[in-house]
Amino acid sequence: MAKGKPGIQDQYLKQMQQNGLTVRIVMVNGKELVGTIAGFDAFTVLVSVGDVEVMVYKSAIAVIGPTGSDKP
């Protein structure tokens, strides 16, 4: 990937974070998290779940997407 050009993963996470969307994250072990994206870097995603922030390794995430509960 060219330096300075954000990848699709970063664009997707940034859009969800900036819009404050509630996301559903399904882990590779089948467990689920529902919250908002507080931040992310090359290897982790910081998810706000209630009043707790949970750091998740991207390699442990199977699926991530909006819950749909934020639609008008």
N, C-alpha and C. Protein backbone atom coordinates (compact mmCIF):
# COMPACT_ATOMS: atom_id res chain seq x y z
N MET A 1 0.85 -1.18 0.00
CA MET A 1 0.00 0.00 0.00
C MET A 1 0.88 1.24 0.00
N ALA A 2 0.48 2.23 -0.75
CA ALA A 2 1.24 3.47 -0.85
C ALA A 2 1.21 4.21 0.49
N LYS A 3 2.35 4.76 0.84
CA LYS A 3 2.44 5.49 2.09
C LYS A 3 1.59 6.76 2.01
N GLY A 4 0.84 7.05 3.07
CA GLY A 4 0.02 8.25 3.11
C GLY A 4 -1.40 8.03 2.62
N LYS A 5 -1.64 6.95 1.89
CA LYS A 5 -2.99 6.66 1.41
C LYS A 5 -3.64 5.68 2.37
N PRO A 6 -4.76 6.09 3.02
CA PRO A 6 -5.39 5.18 3.98
C PRO A 6 -6.01 3.98 3.28
N GLY A 7 -5.91 2.82 3.91
CA GLY A 7 -6.50 1.61 3.37
C GLY A 7 -8.00 1.58 3.63
N ILE A 8 -8.67 0.65 2.99
CA ILE A 8 -10.12 0.54 3.12
C ILE A 8 -10.52 0.26 4.58
N GLN A 9 -9.71 -0.51 5.29
CA GLN A 9 -9.99 -0.81 6.69
C GLN A 9 -10.00 0.46 7.53
N ASP A 10 -8.98 1.30 7.35
CA ASP A 10 -8.90 2.55 8.10
C ASP A 10 -10.04 3.50 7.72
N GLN A 11 -10.37 3.57 6.43
CA GLN A 11 -11.47 4.43 5.99
C GLN A 11 -12.79 4.00 6.63
N TYR A 12 -13.03 2.69 6.64
CA TYR A 12 -14.27 2.14 7.19
C TYR A 12 -14.38 2.43 8.69
N LEU A 13 -13.32 2.14 9.43
CA LEU A 13 -13.33 2.38 10.88
C LEU A 13 -13.45 3.87 11.20
N LYS A 14 -12.76 4.70 10.44
CA LYS A 14 -12.82 6.15 10.66
C LYS A 14 -14.23 6.68 10.43
N GLN A 15 -14.89 6.20 9.37
CA GLN A 15 -16.26 6.62 9.08
C GLN A 15 -17.21 6.23 10.22
N MET A 16 -17.06 5.00 10.71
CA MET A 16 -17.91 4.54 11.82
C MET A 16 -17.63 5.36 13.07
N GLN A 17 -16.37 5.66 13.32
CA GLN A 17 -15.99 6.44 14.51
C GLN A 17 -16.52 7.87 14.40
N GLN A 18 -16.31 8.52 13.28
CA GLN A 18 -16.73 9.91 13.11
C GLN A 18 -18.25 10.07 13.17
N ASN A 19 -18.97 9.09 12.65
CA ASN A 19 -20.44 9.15 12.67
C ASN A 19 -21.03 8.66 13.98
N GLY A 20 -20.19 8.16 14.87
CA GLY A 20 -20.65 7.69 16.18
C GLY A 20 -21.61 6.51 16.09
N LEU A 21 -21.46 5.70 15.03
CA LEU A 21 -22.36 4.56 14.83
C LEU A 21 -22.13 3.47 15.87
N THR A 22 -23.21 2.84 16.27
CA THR A 22 -23.11 1.66 17.13
C THR A 22 -22.75 0.49 16.23
N VAL A 23 -21.71 -0.24 16.60
CA VAL A 23 -21.23 -1.35 15.79
C VAL A 23 -21.37 -2.67 16.53
N ARG A 24 -21.49 -3.72 15.74
CA ARG A 24 -21.52 -5.08 16.28
C ARG A 24 -20.25 -5.75 15.78
N ILE A 25 -19.45 -6.26 16.71
CA ILE A 25 -18.21 -6.94 16.38
C ILE A 25 -18.35 -8.40 16.79
N VAL A 26 -18.17 -9.28 15.82
CA VAL A 26 -18.18 -10.71 16.09
C VAL A 26 -16.73 -11.18 16.07
N MET A 27 -16.33 -11.78 17.17
CA MET A 27 -14.95 -12.24 17.30
C MET A 27 -14.81 -13.62 16.64
N VAL A 28 -13.57 -14.02 16.36
CA VAL A 28 -13.34 -15.33 15.74
C VAL A 28 -13.79 -16.48 16.66
N ASN A 29 -13.87 -16.22 17.97
CA ASN A 29 -14.33 -17.26 18.89
C ASN A 29 -15.85 -17.26 19.04
N GLY A 30 -16.55 -16.38 18.29
CA GLY A 30 -18.01 -16.35 18.32
C GLY A 30 -18.61 -15.34 19.28
N LYS A 31 -17.82 -14.81 20.20
CA LYS A 31 -18.33 -13.80 21.13
C LYS A 31 -18.60 -12.50 20.40
N GLU A 32 -19.54 -11.71 20.92
CA GLU A 32 -19.91 -10.45 20.28
C GLU A 32 -19.73 -9.27 21.22
N LEU A 33 -19.39 -8.13 20.63
CA LEU A 33 -19.33 -6.85 21.33
C LEU A 33 -20.23 -5.88 20.58
N VAL A 34 -20.95 -5.06 21.31
CA VAL A 34 -21.74 -4.00 20.69
C VAL A 34 -21.36 -2.71 21.39
N GLY A 35 -20.93 -1.72 20.61
CA GLY A 35 -20.51 -0.44 21.17
C GLY A 35 -20.14 0.53 20.07
N THR A 36 -19.36 1.53 20.43
CA THR A 36 -18.90 2.51 19.45
C THR A 36 -17.38 2.46 19.35
N ILE A 37 -16.86 2.84 18.19
CA ILE A 37 -15.42 2.85 17.98
C ILE A 37 -14.84 4.09 18.65
N ALA A 38 -13.98 3.88 19.64
CA ALA A 38 -13.34 4.99 20.34
C ALA A 38 -12.02 5.35 19.68
N GLY A 39 -11.40 4.38 19.02
CA GLY A 39 -10.13 4.62 18.34
C GLY A 39 -9.62 3.33 17.72
N PHE A 40 -8.55 3.45 16.93
CA PHE A 40 -7.96 2.28 16.30
C PHE A 40 -6.56 2.63 15.82
N ASP A 41 -5.76 1.58 15.64
CA ASP A 41 -4.44 1.74 15.04
C ASP A 41 -4.21 0.56 14.11
N ALA A 42 -2.99 0.29 13.76
CA ALA A 42 -2.70 -0.78 12.80
C ALA A 42 -3.08 -2.17 13.30
N PHE A 43 -3.09 -2.36 14.63
CA PHE A 43 -3.30 -3.71 15.16
C PHE A 43 -4.52 -3.86 16.07
N THR A 44 -5.06 -2.75 16.58
CA THR A 44 -6.14 -2.85 17.56
C THR A 44 -7.29 -1.91 17.25
N VAL A 45 -8.44 -2.22 17.86
CA VAL A 45 -9.61 -1.36 17.81
C VAL A 45 -10.04 -1.14 19.26
N LEU A 46 -10.26 0.11 19.64
CA LEU A 46 -10.73 0.44 20.98
C LEU A 46 -12.24 0.67 20.88
N VAL A 47 -13.00 -0.15 21.60
CA VAL A 47 -14.46 -0.12 21.53
C VAL A 47 -15.04 0.33 22.87
N SER A 48 -15.92 1.32 22.83
CA SER A 48 -16.63 1.76 24.04
C SER A 48 -17.88 0.92 24.17
N VAL A 49 -17.94 0.15 25.26
CA VAL A 49 -19.08 -0.70 25.54
C VAL A 49 -19.65 -0.23 26.88
N GLY A 50 -20.75 0.51 26.83
CA GLY A 50 -21.26 1.11 28.07
C GLY A 50 -20.27 2.14 28.57
N ASP A 51 -19.87 2.03 29.85
CA ASP A 51 -18.87 2.97 30.38
C ASP A 51 -17.49 2.34 30.45
N VAL A 52 -17.27 1.27 29.68
CA VAL A 52 -15.98 0.59 29.66
C VAL A 52 -15.41 0.63 28.24
N GLU A 53 -14.10 0.81 28.13
CA GLU A 53 -13.45 0.72 26.83
C GLU A 53 -12.69 -0.60 26.77
N VAL A 54 -12.89 -1.32 25.67
CA VAL A 54 -12.28 -2.63 25.47
C VAL A 54 -11.36 -2.56 24.27
N MET A 55 -10.12 -3.01 24.43
CA MET A 55 -9.18 -3.05 23.32
C MET A 55 -9.20 -4.45 22.72
N VAL A 56 -9.42 -4.51 21.41
CA VAL A 56 -9.54 -5.78 20.70
C VAL A 56 -8.49 -5.82 19.59
N TYR A 57 -7.78 -6.93 19.50
CA TYR A 57 -6.84 -7.09 18.39
C TYR A 57 -7.62 -7.33 17.11
N LYS A 58 -7.24 -6.64 16.04
CA LYS A 58 -7.93 -6.79 14.76
C LYS A 58 -7.90 -8.24 14.28
N SER A 59 -6.84 -8.96 14.59
CA SER A 59 -6.72 -10.35 14.17
C SER A 59 -7.76 -11.25 14.84
N ALA A 60 -8.38 -10.77 15.93
CA ALA A 60 -9.40 -11.54 16.64
C ALA A 60 -10.81 -11.23 16.13
N ILE A 61 -10.93 -10.25 15.22
CA ILE A 61 -12.24 -9.85 14.71
C ILE A 61 -12.57 -10.62 13.44
N ALA A 62 -13.77 -11.26 13.44
CA ALA A 62 -14.24 -11.96 12.25
C ALA A 62 -15.10 -11.03 11.39
N VAL A 63 -16.02 -10.29 12.05
CA VAL A 63 -16.97 -9.43 11.34
C VAL A 63 -17.18 -8.15 12.14
N ILE A 64 -17.29 -7.02 11.44
CA ILE A 64 -17.62 -5.76 12.10
C ILE A 64 -18.55 -4.98 11.18
N GLY A 65 -19.59 -4.39 11.77
CA GLY A 65 -20.52 -3.61 10.97
C GLY A 65 -21.50 -2.86 11.86
N PRO A 66 -22.24 -1.93 11.27
CA PRO A 66 -23.22 -1.16 12.05
C PRO A 66 -24.37 -2.06 12.49
N THR A 67 -24.92 -1.75 13.64
CA THR A 67 -26.03 -2.56 14.15
C THR A 67 -27.33 -2.23 13.44
N GLY A 68 -27.42 -1.02 12.86
CA GLY A 68 -28.64 -0.60 12.21
C GLY A 68 -29.56 0.16 13.14
N SER A 69 -29.22 0.18 14.44
CA SER A 69 -30.06 0.88 15.43
C SER A 69 -29.90 2.39 15.35
N ASP A 70 -28.91 2.87 14.57
CA ASP A 70 -28.67 4.30 14.45
C ASP A 70 -29.44 4.94 13.30
N LYS A 71 -30.17 4.13 12.53
CA LYS A 71 -30.90 4.66 11.37
C LYS A 71 -32.08 5.49 11.83
N PRO A 72 -32.38 6.59 11.10
CA PRO A 72 -33.50 7.45 11.48
C PRO A 72 -34.84 6.76 11.29
